[in-house]
Amino acid sequence: MDRTQKETFVSELRERMKRAPVLYLTDFSGLNVKAMTELRSSLRKSGAEYVVVKNRLAQRVFEEITDFPDITEGLTGPTGFVFGYEDAAAAAKALSEFAKTHDQKPTFKLGVMENRVLQPEQVEKIAKLPPREQLLAELAGAFEAPVAALAAALGAKLQETAGLIDALREERARAG
């Protein structure tokens, strides 16, 4: 890479980091070109992007971005960046699922979400979360359950009142 190509790459990397709400650093050593192509494809389907970055160039970007946490400790050995643009859990899940079928490669080094550094164990926990749609459905169910219980209780009281009025009518009909 000549100087202009490096400058272009650094500016593109800076732009990606600003755009992505989540970033995962991985060690991709041991993956061949075919596996890397598969990984990129599966990440693309989950709304993420995989970019192999030279550690020197990544350090330059981190020096320029002041509002980003310091993750230079993760810039050792071969480093791949996963930029999650849509769903943080989906990107982590795609990477984790891929690793299960490829001898546990790539491995998580670090992650950054909402300007907080995540350790590999935390990223693994994110990968085990259910899909976003399921979480939203569970949340909607949690909100709906008390309202449904209240409606059922009110309905039961209304039915009980109707039964009492009917019994009173029958009693008055017999009496008079």
N, C-alpha and C. Protein backbone atom coordinates (compact mmCIF):
# COMPACT_ATOMS: atom_id res chain seq x y z
N MET A 1 0.84 -1.18 0.00
CA MET A 1 0.00 0.00 0.00
C MET A 1 0.88 1.24 0.00
N ASP A 2 0.61 2.15 -0.92
CA ASP A 2 1.36 3.40 -0.89
C ASP A 2 0.68 4.39 0.07
N ARG A 3 1.27 5.54 0.23
CA ARG A 3 0.81 6.51 1.23
C ARG A 3 -0.63 6.96 1.01
N THR A 4 -1.01 7.24 -0.24
CA THR A 4 -2.39 7.70 -0.50
C THR A 4 -3.40 6.60 -0.23
N GLN A 5 -3.06 5.37 -0.57
CA GLN A 5 -3.96 4.25 -0.28
C GLN A 5 -4.15 4.07 1.23
N LYS A 6 -3.05 4.22 1.97
CA LYS A 6 -3.14 4.11 3.43
C LYS A 6 -4.01 5.23 4.00
N GLU A 7 -3.84 6.44 3.51
CA GLU A 7 -4.65 7.56 3.98
C GLU A 7 -6.12 7.35 3.67
N THR A 8 -6.41 6.84 2.48
CA THR A 8 -7.79 6.54 2.10
C THR A 8 -8.36 5.45 2.99
N PHE A 9 -7.58 4.40 3.23
CA PHE A 9 -8.03 3.30 4.08
C PHE A 9 -8.31 3.78 5.50
N VAL A 10 -7.42 4.62 6.02
CA VAL A 10 -7.59 5.15 7.38
C VAL A 10 -8.86 6.00 7.47
N SER A 11 -9.11 6.83 6.47
CA SER A 11 -10.32 7.67 6.51
C SER A 11 -11.58 6.81 6.38
N GLU A 12 -11.55 5.76 5.55
CA GLU A 12 -12.69 4.85 5.43
C GLU A 12 -12.92 4.09 6.73
N LEU A 13 -11.84 3.67 7.38
CA LEU A 13 -11.94 2.96 8.66
C LEU A 13 -12.53 3.88 9.72
N ARG A 14 -12.09 5.14 9.75
CA ARG A 14 -12.61 6.12 10.70
C ARG A 14 -14.12 6.30 10.48
N GLU A 15 -14.53 6.39 9.22
CA GLU A 15 -15.95 6.57 8.89
C GLU A 15 -16.76 5.35 9.33
N ARG A 16 -16.24 4.16 9.10
CA ARG A 16 -16.94 2.94 9.51
C ARG A 16 -17.11 2.91 11.03
N MET A 17 -16.07 3.30 11.75
CA MET A 17 -16.13 3.28 13.21
C MET A 17 -17.16 4.28 13.73
N LYS A 18 -17.30 5.40 13.07
CA LYS A 18 -18.29 6.39 13.50
C LYS A 18 -19.71 5.93 13.18
N ARG A 19 -19.86 5.18 12.08
CA ARG A 19 -21.18 4.72 11.64
C ARG A 19 -21.71 3.53 12.42
N ALA A 20 -20.81 2.65 12.84
CA ALA A 20 -21.22 1.39 13.47
C ALA A 20 -21.45 1.57 14.96
N PRO A 21 -22.63 1.17 15.46
CA PRO A 21 -22.88 1.26 16.90
C PRO A 21 -22.10 0.21 17.71
N VAL A 22 -21.62 -0.83 17.03
CA VAL A 22 -20.87 -1.87 17.73
C VAL A 22 -19.66 -2.29 16.89
N LEU A 23 -18.57 -2.58 17.59
CA LEU A 23 -17.34 -3.00 16.94
C LEU A 23 -16.78 -4.18 17.73
N TYR A 24 -16.41 -5.23 17.01
CA TYR A 24 -15.77 -6.39 17.65
C TYR A 24 -14.42 -6.59 16.99
N LEU A 25 -13.39 -6.81 17.80
CA LEU A 25 -12.07 -7.14 17.30
C LEU A 25 -11.89 -8.64 17.42
N THR A 26 -11.40 -9.26 16.36
CA THR A 26 -11.24 -10.71 16.34
C THR A 26 -9.84 -11.10 15.92
N ASP A 27 -9.45 -12.30 16.30
CA ASP A 27 -8.21 -12.91 15.83
C ASP A 27 -8.62 -13.96 14.81
N PHE A 28 -8.25 -13.75 13.56
CA PHE A 28 -8.69 -14.64 12.50
C PHE A 28 -7.62 -15.63 12.07
N SER A 29 -6.53 -15.75 12.82
CA SER A 29 -5.45 -16.64 12.41
C SER A 29 -5.96 -18.06 12.27
N GLY A 30 -5.52 -18.73 11.22
CA GLY A 30 -5.93 -20.09 10.95
C GLY A 30 -7.06 -20.22 9.95
N LEU A 31 -7.63 -19.10 9.51
CA LEU A 31 -8.70 -19.15 8.51
C LEU A 31 -8.11 -18.95 7.12
N ASN A 32 -8.56 -19.78 6.19
CA ASN A 32 -8.10 -19.61 4.82
C ASN A 32 -9.02 -18.64 4.07
N VAL A 33 -8.70 -18.37 2.83
CA VAL A 33 -9.45 -17.39 2.03
C VAL A 33 -10.91 -17.81 1.87
N LYS A 34 -11.14 -19.11 1.63
CA LYS A 34 -12.52 -19.59 1.45
C LYS A 34 -13.34 -19.35 2.72
N ALA A 35 -12.75 -19.66 3.87
CA ALA A 35 -13.45 -19.47 5.14
C ALA A 35 -13.70 -17.99 5.40
N MET A 36 -12.73 -17.14 5.06
CA MET A 36 -12.91 -15.69 5.24
C MET A 36 -14.06 -15.18 4.37
N THR A 37 -14.17 -15.71 3.17
CA THR A 37 -15.25 -15.31 2.27
C THR A 37 -16.60 -15.73 2.85
N GLU A 38 -16.66 -16.94 3.40
CA GLU A 38 -17.89 -17.42 4.05
C GLU A 38 -18.25 -16.54 5.25
N LEU A 39 -17.23 -16.19 6.04
CA LEU A 39 -17.45 -15.36 7.22
C LEU A 39 -17.99 -14.00 6.81
N ARG A 40 -17.39 -13.39 5.82
CA ARG A 40 -17.85 -12.08 5.36
C ARG A 40 -19.30 -12.16 4.87
N SER A 41 -19.62 -13.23 4.17
CA SER A 41 -20.97 -13.40 3.65
C SER A 41 -21.99 -13.55 4.78
N SER A 42 -21.68 -14.37 5.78
CA SER A 42 -22.62 -14.57 6.89
C SER A 42 -22.77 -13.28 7.71
N LEU A 43 -21.70 -12.53 7.85
CA LEU A 43 -21.80 -11.26 8.58
C LEU A 43 -22.61 -10.24 7.79
N ARG A 44 -22.44 -10.23 6.49
CA ARG A 44 -23.20 -9.29 5.65
C ARG A 44 -24.70 -9.55 5.79
N LYS A 45 -25.08 -10.83 5.89
CA LYS A 45 -26.50 -11.18 6.05
C LYS A 45 -27.05 -10.68 7.39
N SER A 46 -26.19 -10.54 8.39
CA SER A 46 -26.64 -10.07 9.70
C SER A 46 -26.47 -8.56 9.87
N GLY A 47 -26.16 -7.86 8.78
CA GLY A 47 -26.05 -6.40 8.85
C GLY A 47 -24.72 -5.94 9.39
N ALA A 48 -23.67 -6.74 9.20
CA ALA A 48 -22.34 -6.39 9.69
C ALA A 48 -21.32 -6.49 8.56
N GLU A 49 -20.13 -6.04 8.84
CA GLU A 49 -19.06 -6.04 7.84
C GLU A 49 -17.78 -6.49 8.52
N TYR A 50 -16.96 -7.29 7.81
CA TYR A 50 -15.70 -7.78 8.35
C TYR A 50 -14.56 -7.19 7.56
N VAL A 51 -13.64 -6.54 8.25
CA VAL A 51 -12.50 -5.90 7.59
C VAL A 51 -11.23 -6.29 8.32
N VAL A 52 -10.25 -6.77 7.56
CA VAL A 52 -8.94 -7.07 8.14
C VAL A 52 -8.15 -5.77 8.13
N VAL A 53 -7.56 -5.45 9.28
CA VAL A 53 -6.90 -4.16 9.45
C VAL A 53 -5.50 -4.37 9.99
N LYS A 54 -4.55 -3.64 9.43
CA LYS A 54 -3.21 -3.65 9.99
C LYS A 54 -3.25 -2.89 11.30
N ASN A 55 -2.61 -3.45 12.31
CA ASN A 55 -2.66 -2.86 13.64
C ASN A 55 -2.12 -1.43 13.66
N ARG A 56 -1.08 -1.16 12.88
CA ARG A 56 -0.51 0.18 12.82
C ARG A 56 -1.53 1.19 12.34
N LEU A 57 -2.27 0.83 11.30
CA LEU A 57 -3.28 1.74 10.74
C LEU A 57 -4.43 1.93 11.72
N ALA A 58 -4.82 0.86 12.41
CA ALA A 58 -5.90 0.97 13.39
C ALA A 58 -5.48 1.88 14.54
N GLN A 59 -4.24 1.76 14.98
CA GLN A 59 -3.76 2.63 16.05
C GLN A 59 -3.80 4.09 15.63
N ARG A 60 -3.48 4.35 14.38
CA ARG A 60 -3.54 5.72 13.88
C ARG A 60 -4.97 6.26 13.96
N VAL A 61 -5.94 5.43 13.61
CA VAL A 61 -7.34 5.85 13.67
C VAL A 61 -7.75 6.11 15.12
N PHE A 62 -7.35 5.22 16.03
CA PHE A 62 -7.72 5.39 17.44
C PHE A 62 -7.11 6.65 18.04
N GLU A 63 -5.93 7.04 17.55
CA GLU A 63 -5.31 8.27 18.03
C GLU A 63 -6.10 9.50 17.56
N GLU A 64 -6.71 9.40 16.38
CA GLU A 64 -7.45 10.53 15.81
C GLU A 64 -8.84 10.68 16.41
N ILE A 65 -9.47 9.56 16.79
CA ILE A 65 -10.83 9.61 17.33
C ILE A 65 -10.72 9.74 18.85
N THR A 66 -11.09 10.88 19.36
CA THR A 66 -10.92 11.14 20.79
C THR A 66 -12.07 10.61 21.64
N ASP A 67 -13.26 10.49 21.07
CA ASP A 67 -14.41 10.04 21.87
C ASP A 67 -14.61 8.53 21.83
N PHE A 68 -13.58 7.80 21.47
CA PHE A 68 -13.64 6.35 21.37
C PHE A 68 -12.76 5.76 22.47
N PRO A 69 -13.21 4.69 23.16
CA PRO A 69 -12.37 4.12 24.22
C PRO A 69 -11.07 3.53 23.67
N ASP A 70 -10.08 3.46 24.50
CA ASP A 70 -8.77 2.95 24.11
C ASP A 70 -8.82 1.42 24.07
N ILE A 71 -8.71 0.87 22.88
CA ILE A 71 -8.72 -0.60 22.74
C ILE A 71 -7.44 -1.08 22.06
N THR A 72 -6.39 -0.28 22.15
CA THR A 72 -5.13 -0.65 21.50
C THR A 72 -4.56 -1.94 22.09
N GLU A 73 -4.98 -2.34 23.30
CA GLU A 73 -4.52 -3.60 23.88
C GLU A 73 -4.95 -4.79 23.04
N GLY A 74 -6.03 -4.64 22.29
CA GLY A 74 -6.51 -5.72 21.43
C GLY A 74 -5.84 -5.76 20.07
N LEU A 75 -4.97 -4.82 19.82
CA LEU A 75 -4.31 -4.75 18.51
C LEU A 75 -2.98 -5.49 18.53
N THR A 76 -3.05 -6.78 18.78
CA THR A 76 -1.87 -7.64 18.72
C THR A 76 -2.20 -8.81 17.82
N GLY A 77 -1.25 -9.20 17.02
CA GLY A 77 -1.46 -10.31 16.11
C GLY A 77 -2.45 -9.95 15.01
N PRO A 78 -2.88 -10.94 14.23
CA PRO A 78 -3.83 -10.67 13.15
C PRO A 78 -5.16 -10.16 13.72
N THR A 79 -5.62 -9.03 13.22
CA THR A 79 -6.83 -8.42 13.75
C THR A 79 -7.85 -8.18 12.65
N GLY A 80 -9.06 -8.65 12.91
CA GLY A 80 -10.18 -8.40 12.02
C GLY A 80 -11.21 -7.58 12.78
N PHE A 81 -11.77 -6.58 12.12
CA PHE A 81 -12.78 -5.72 12.72
C PHE A 81 -14.15 -6.12 12.20
N VAL A 82 -15.10 -6.32 13.11
CA VAL A 82 -16.49 -6.57 12.74
C VAL A 82 -17.27 -5.31 13.09
N PHE A 83 -17.79 -4.66 12.06
CA PHE A 83 -18.60 -3.46 12.26
C PHE A 83 -20.06 -3.88 12.20
N GLY A 84 -20.75 -3.78 13.32
CA GLY A 84 -22.17 -4.13 13.37
C GLY A 84 -23.01 -2.89 13.15
N TYR A 85 -23.66 -2.80 12.01
CA TYR A 85 -24.42 -1.60 11.67
C TYR A 85 -25.88 -1.68 12.10
N GLU A 86 -26.43 -2.88 12.20
CA GLU A 86 -27.86 -3.01 12.48
C GLU A 86 -28.15 -3.55 13.87
N ASP A 87 -27.68 -4.73 14.17
CA ASP A 87 -28.02 -5.39 15.43
C ASP A 87 -26.75 -5.97 16.05
N ALA A 88 -26.41 -5.50 17.24
CA ALA A 88 -25.18 -5.93 17.90
C ALA A 88 -25.19 -7.43 18.17
N ALA A 89 -26.33 -7.94 18.59
CA ALA A 89 -26.43 -9.37 18.90
C ALA A 89 -26.33 -10.22 17.64
N ALA A 90 -26.92 -9.75 16.55
CA ALA A 90 -26.89 -10.53 15.31
C ALA A 90 -25.47 -10.68 14.79
N ALA A 91 -24.68 -9.61 14.86
CA ALA A 91 -23.29 -9.68 14.40
C ALA A 91 -22.48 -10.64 15.27
N ALA A 92 -22.63 -10.54 16.59
CA ALA A 92 -21.91 -11.42 17.50
C ALA A 92 -22.35 -12.87 17.32
N LYS A 93 -23.66 -13.06 17.12
CA LYS A 93 -24.20 -14.41 16.92
C LYS A 93 -23.66 -15.02 15.62
N ALA A 94 -23.63 -14.24 14.55
CA ALA A 94 -23.12 -14.75 13.27
C ALA A 94 -21.66 -15.16 13.40
N LEU A 95 -20.88 -14.35 14.09
CA LEU A 95 -19.46 -14.66 14.29
C LEU A 95 -19.28 -15.90 15.16
N SER A 96 -20.07 -16.00 16.22
CA SER A 96 -20.00 -17.13 17.12
C SER A 96 -20.43 -18.43 16.43
N GLU A 97 -21.52 -18.36 15.66
CA GLU A 97 -21.99 -19.55 14.92
C GLU A 97 -20.96 -20.00 13.90
N PHE A 98 -20.33 -19.04 13.23
CA PHE A 98 -19.30 -19.37 12.25
C PHE A 98 -18.13 -20.08 12.94
N ALA A 99 -17.73 -19.57 14.11
CA ALA A 99 -16.61 -20.15 14.84
C ALA A 99 -16.90 -21.58 15.26
N LYS A 100 -18.15 -21.90 15.56
CA LYS A 100 -18.51 -23.26 15.97
C LYS A 100 -18.24 -24.27 14.86
N THR A 101 -18.39 -23.85 13.63
CA THR A 101 -18.19 -24.77 12.50
C THR A 101 -16.79 -24.69 11.90
N HIS A 102 -15.93 -23.83 12.44
CA HIS A 102 -14.58 -23.66 11.89
C HIS A 102 -13.52 -23.70 12.99
N ASP A 103 -13.54 -24.73 13.82
CA ASP A 103 -12.53 -24.94 14.86
C ASP A 103 -12.36 -23.74 15.78
N GLN A 104 -13.48 -23.12 16.17
CA GLN A 104 -13.49 -21.98 17.10
C GLN A 104 -12.66 -20.79 16.59
N LYS A 105 -12.67 -20.60 15.28
CA LYS A 105 -11.99 -19.45 14.68
C LYS A 105 -12.99 -18.68 13.85
N PRO A 106 -12.98 -17.40 13.89
CA PRO A 106 -12.12 -16.48 14.64
C PRO A 106 -12.55 -16.39 16.09
N THR A 107 -11.67 -15.84 16.92
CA THR A 107 -11.97 -15.65 18.33
C THR A 107 -12.13 -14.16 18.62
N PHE A 108 -12.96 -13.86 19.59
CA PHE A 108 -13.15 -12.47 20.00
C PHE A 108 -11.95 -12.00 20.81
N LYS A 109 -11.49 -10.79 20.52
CA LYS A 109 -10.45 -10.15 21.33
C LYS A 109 -11.09 -9.14 22.27
N LEU A 110 -11.87 -8.24 21.70
CA LEU A 110 -12.54 -7.17 22.44
C LEU A 110 -13.77 -6.74 21.67
N GLY A 111 -14.57 -5.95 22.32
CA GLY A 111 -15.71 -5.33 21.65
C GLY A 111 -15.91 -3.93 22.18
N VAL A 112 -16.60 -3.11 21.41
CA VAL A 112 -16.95 -1.76 21.86
C VAL A 112 -18.41 -1.53 21.52
N MET A 113 -19.18 -1.20 22.57
CA MET A 113 -20.59 -0.90 22.38
C MET A 113 -20.92 0.29 23.27
N GLU A 114 -21.55 1.30 22.69
CA GLU A 114 -21.91 2.52 23.42
C GLU A 114 -20.71 3.09 24.17
N ASN A 115 -19.57 3.13 23.47
CA ASN A 115 -18.31 3.68 24.00
C ASN A 115 -17.83 2.97 25.26
N ARG A 116 -18.21 1.70 25.41
CA ARG A 116 -17.73 0.88 26.52
C ARG A 116 -17.00 -0.32 25.95
N VAL A 117 -15.88 -0.65 26.55
CA VAL A 117 -15.09 -1.80 26.11
C VAL A 117 -15.71 -3.07 26.68
N LEU A 118 -15.89 -4.06 25.81
CA LEU A 118 -16.44 -5.35 26.21
C LEU A 118 -15.35 -6.41 26.14
N GLN A 119 -15.28 -7.23 27.16
CA GLN A 119 -14.33 -8.33 27.16
C GLN A 119 -14.92 -9.50 26.34
N PRO A 120 -14.08 -10.44 25.93
CA PRO A 120 -14.59 -11.55 25.09
C PRO A 120 -15.76 -12.31 25.71
N GLU A 121 -15.77 -12.48 27.05
CA GLU A 121 -16.87 -13.20 27.69
C GLU A 121 -18.18 -12.43 27.54
N GLN A 122 -18.09 -11.11 27.62
CA GLN A 122 -19.29 -10.28 27.47
C GLN A 122 -19.83 -10.36 26.05
N VAL A 123 -18.93 -10.40 25.08
CA VAL A 123 -19.35 -10.51 23.68
C VAL A 123 -20.02 -11.85 23.45
N GLU A 124 -19.49 -12.90 24.08
CA GLU A 124 -20.11 -14.23 23.96
C GLU A 124 -21.52 -14.22 24.54
N LYS A 125 -21.72 -13.52 25.64
CA LYS A 125 -23.06 -13.42 26.23
C LYS A 125 -24.01 -12.70 25.28
N ILE A 126 -23.53 -11.68 24.62
CA ILE A 126 -24.35 -10.95 23.63
C ILE A 126 -24.72 -11.89 22.50
N ALA A 127 -23.78 -12.74 22.09
CA ALA A 127 -24.04 -13.68 21.00
C ALA A 127 -25.12 -14.69 21.36
N LYS A 128 -25.30 -14.96 22.65
CA LYS A 128 -26.29 -15.94 23.08
C LYS A 128 -27.68 -15.33 23.28
N LEU A 129 -27.80 -14.02 23.13
CA LEU A 129 -29.11 -13.38 23.26
C LEU A 129 -30.04 -13.84 22.14
N PRO A 130 -31.33 -13.91 22.42
CA PRO A 130 -32.27 -14.25 21.34
C PRO A 130 -32.32 -13.12 20.32
N PRO A 131 -32.88 -13.38 19.14
CA PRO A 131 -32.97 -12.34 18.12
C PRO A 131 -33.79 -11.14 18.61
N ARG A 132 -33.55 -10.02 18.01
CA ARG A 132 -34.19 -8.75 18.39
C ARG A 132 -35.71 -8.87 18.37
N GLU A 133 -36.26 -9.50 17.33
CA GLU A 133 -37.70 -9.64 17.20
C GLU A 133 -38.28 -10.43 18.37
N GLN A 134 -37.58 -11.48 18.79
CA GLN A 134 -38.05 -12.29 19.92
C GLN A 134 -38.02 -11.47 21.21
N LEU A 135 -36.95 -10.69 21.41
CA LEU A 135 -36.86 -9.85 22.61
C LEU A 135 -37.99 -8.82 22.63
N LEU A 136 -38.29 -8.24 21.47
CA LEU A 136 -39.39 -7.27 21.40
C LEU A 136 -40.73 -7.94 21.68
N ALA A 137 -40.91 -9.15 21.17
CA ALA A 137 -42.15 -9.89 21.42
C ALA A 137 -42.29 -10.22 22.91
N GLU A 138 -41.19 -10.61 23.54
CA GLU A 138 -41.23 -10.91 24.97
C GLU A 138 -41.54 -9.64 25.77
N LEU A 139 -40.97 -8.54 25.36
CA LEU A 139 -41.24 -7.27 26.03
C LEU A 139 -42.71 -6.88 25.88
N ALA A 140 -43.23 -7.03 24.68
CA ALA A 140 -44.65 -6.72 24.44
C ALA A 140 -45.54 -7.65 25.28
N GLY A 141 -45.16 -8.91 25.38
CA GLY A 141 -45.91 -9.86 26.21
C GLY A 141 -45.87 -9.47 27.68
N ALA A 142 -44.72 -8.99 28.13
CA ALA A 142 -44.61 -8.56 29.53
C ALA A 142 -45.49 -7.34 29.80
N PHE A 143 -45.59 -6.45 28.83
CA PHE A 143 -46.47 -5.28 28.99
C PHE A 143 -47.94 -5.67 28.89
N GLU A 144 -48.23 -6.65 28.07
CA GLU A 144 -49.61 -7.04 27.82
C GLU A 144 -50.19 -7.89 28.94
N ALA A 145 -49.38 -8.67 29.61
CA ALA A 145 -49.86 -9.60 30.63
C ALA A 145 -50.63 -8.92 31.77
N PRO A 146 -50.15 -7.86 32.38
CA PRO A 146 -50.95 -7.23 33.46
C PRO A 146 -52.27 -6.65 32.95
N VAL A 147 -52.25 -6.10 31.75
CA VAL A 147 -53.49 -5.54 31.19
C VAL A 147 -54.49 -6.65 30.93
N ALA A 148 -54.03 -7.77 30.42
CA ALA A 148 -54.92 -8.91 30.18
C ALA A 148 -55.47 -9.46 31.50
N ALA A 149 -54.64 -9.50 32.53
CA ALA A 149 -55.11 -9.98 33.83
C ALA A 149 -56.16 -9.04 34.40
N LEU A 150 -55.95 -7.73 34.26
CA LEU A 150 -56.93 -6.76 34.73
C LEU A 150 -58.24 -6.90 33.97
N ALA A 151 -58.16 -7.06 32.65
CA ALA A 151 -59.37 -7.22 31.83
C ALA A 151 -60.11 -8.49 32.23
N ALA A 152 -59.37 -9.56 32.51
CA ALA A 152 -60.01 -10.81 32.92
C ALA A 152 -60.69 -10.64 34.28
N ALA A 153 -60.03 -9.96 35.22
CA ALA A 153 -60.63 -9.74 36.55
C ALA A 153 -61.87 -8.88 36.45
N LEU A 154 -61.82 -7.82 35.65
CA LEU A 154 -62.99 -6.97 35.47
C LEU A 154 -64.12 -7.72 34.78
N GLY A 155 -63.77 -8.54 33.81
CA GLY A 155 -64.78 -9.35 33.12
C GLY A 155 -65.45 -10.32 34.06
N ALA A 156 -64.65 -10.93 34.97
CA ALA A 156 -65.22 -11.87 35.93
C ALA A 156 -66.17 -11.15 36.89
N LYS A 157 -65.78 -9.97 37.34
CA LYS A 157 -66.66 -9.20 38.24
C LYS A 157 -67.93 -8.79 37.51
N LEU A 158 -67.82 -8.42 36.26
CA LEU A 158 -69.00 -8.05 35.47
C LEU A 158 -69.93 -9.25 35.32
N GLN A 159 -69.37 -10.42 35.08
CA GLN A 159 -70.17 -11.64 34.96
C GLN A 159 -70.83 -11.97 36.30
N GLU A 160 -70.09 -11.80 37.38
CA GLU A 160 -70.63 -12.06 38.72
C GLU A 160 -71.79 -11.11 39.01
N THR A 161 -71.62 -9.83 38.66
CA THR A 161 -72.69 -8.84 38.86
C THR A 161 -73.90 -9.20 38.03
N ALA A 162 -73.71 -9.60 36.80
CA ALA A 162 -74.83 -10.00 35.94
C ALA A 162 -75.55 -11.21 36.53
N GLY A 163 -74.81 -12.14 37.08
CA GLY A 163 -75.42 -13.32 37.71
C GLY A 163 -76.25 -12.93 38.93
N LEU A 164 -75.72 -12.00 39.73
CA LEU A 164 -76.46 -11.54 40.92
C LEU A 164 -77.75 -10.81 40.53
N ILE A 165 -77.67 -9.97 39.50
CA ILE A 165 -78.87 -9.26 39.02
C ILE A 165 -79.89 -10.25 38.50
N ASP A 166 -79.45 -11.26 37.78
CA ASP A 166 -80.35 -12.29 37.26
C ASP A 166 -81.00 -13.06 38.41
N ALA A 167 -80.23 -13.39 39.45
CA ALA A 167 -80.78 -14.11 40.60
C ALA A 167 -81.78 -13.23 41.34
N LEU A 168 -81.50 -11.94 41.47
CA LEU A 168 -82.42 -11.01 42.12
C LEU A 168 -83.72 -10.90 41.33
N ARG A 169 -83.65 -10.84 40.00
CA ARG A 169 -84.83 -10.76 39.15
C ARG A 169 -85.69 -12.01 39.32
N GLU A 170 -85.05 -13.17 39.34
CA GLU A 170 -85.79 -14.43 39.51
C GLU A 170 -86.48 -14.47 40.89
N GLU A 171 -85.77 -13.99 41.91
CA GLU A 171 -86.34 -13.99 43.26
C GLU A 171 -87.54 -13.06 43.36
N ARG A 172 -87.49 -11.90 42.75
CA ARG A 172 -88.59 -10.95 42.75
C ARG A 172 -89.76 -11.47 41.91
N ALA A 173 -89.43 -12.20 40.84
CA ALA A 173 -90.48 -12.77 40.01
C ALA A 173 -91.27 -13.83 40.80
N ARG A 174 -90.61 -14.61 41.61
CA ARG A 174 -91.28 -15.62 42.44
C ARG A 174 -92.06 -14.98 43.58
N ALA A 175 -91.54 -13.90 44.10
CA ALA A 175 -92.19 -13.25 45.24
C ALA A 175 -93.43 -12.45 44.78
N GLY A 176 -93.39 -11.91 43.63
CA GLY A 176 -94.49 -11.03 43.28
C GLY A 176 -95.11 -11.35 42.00
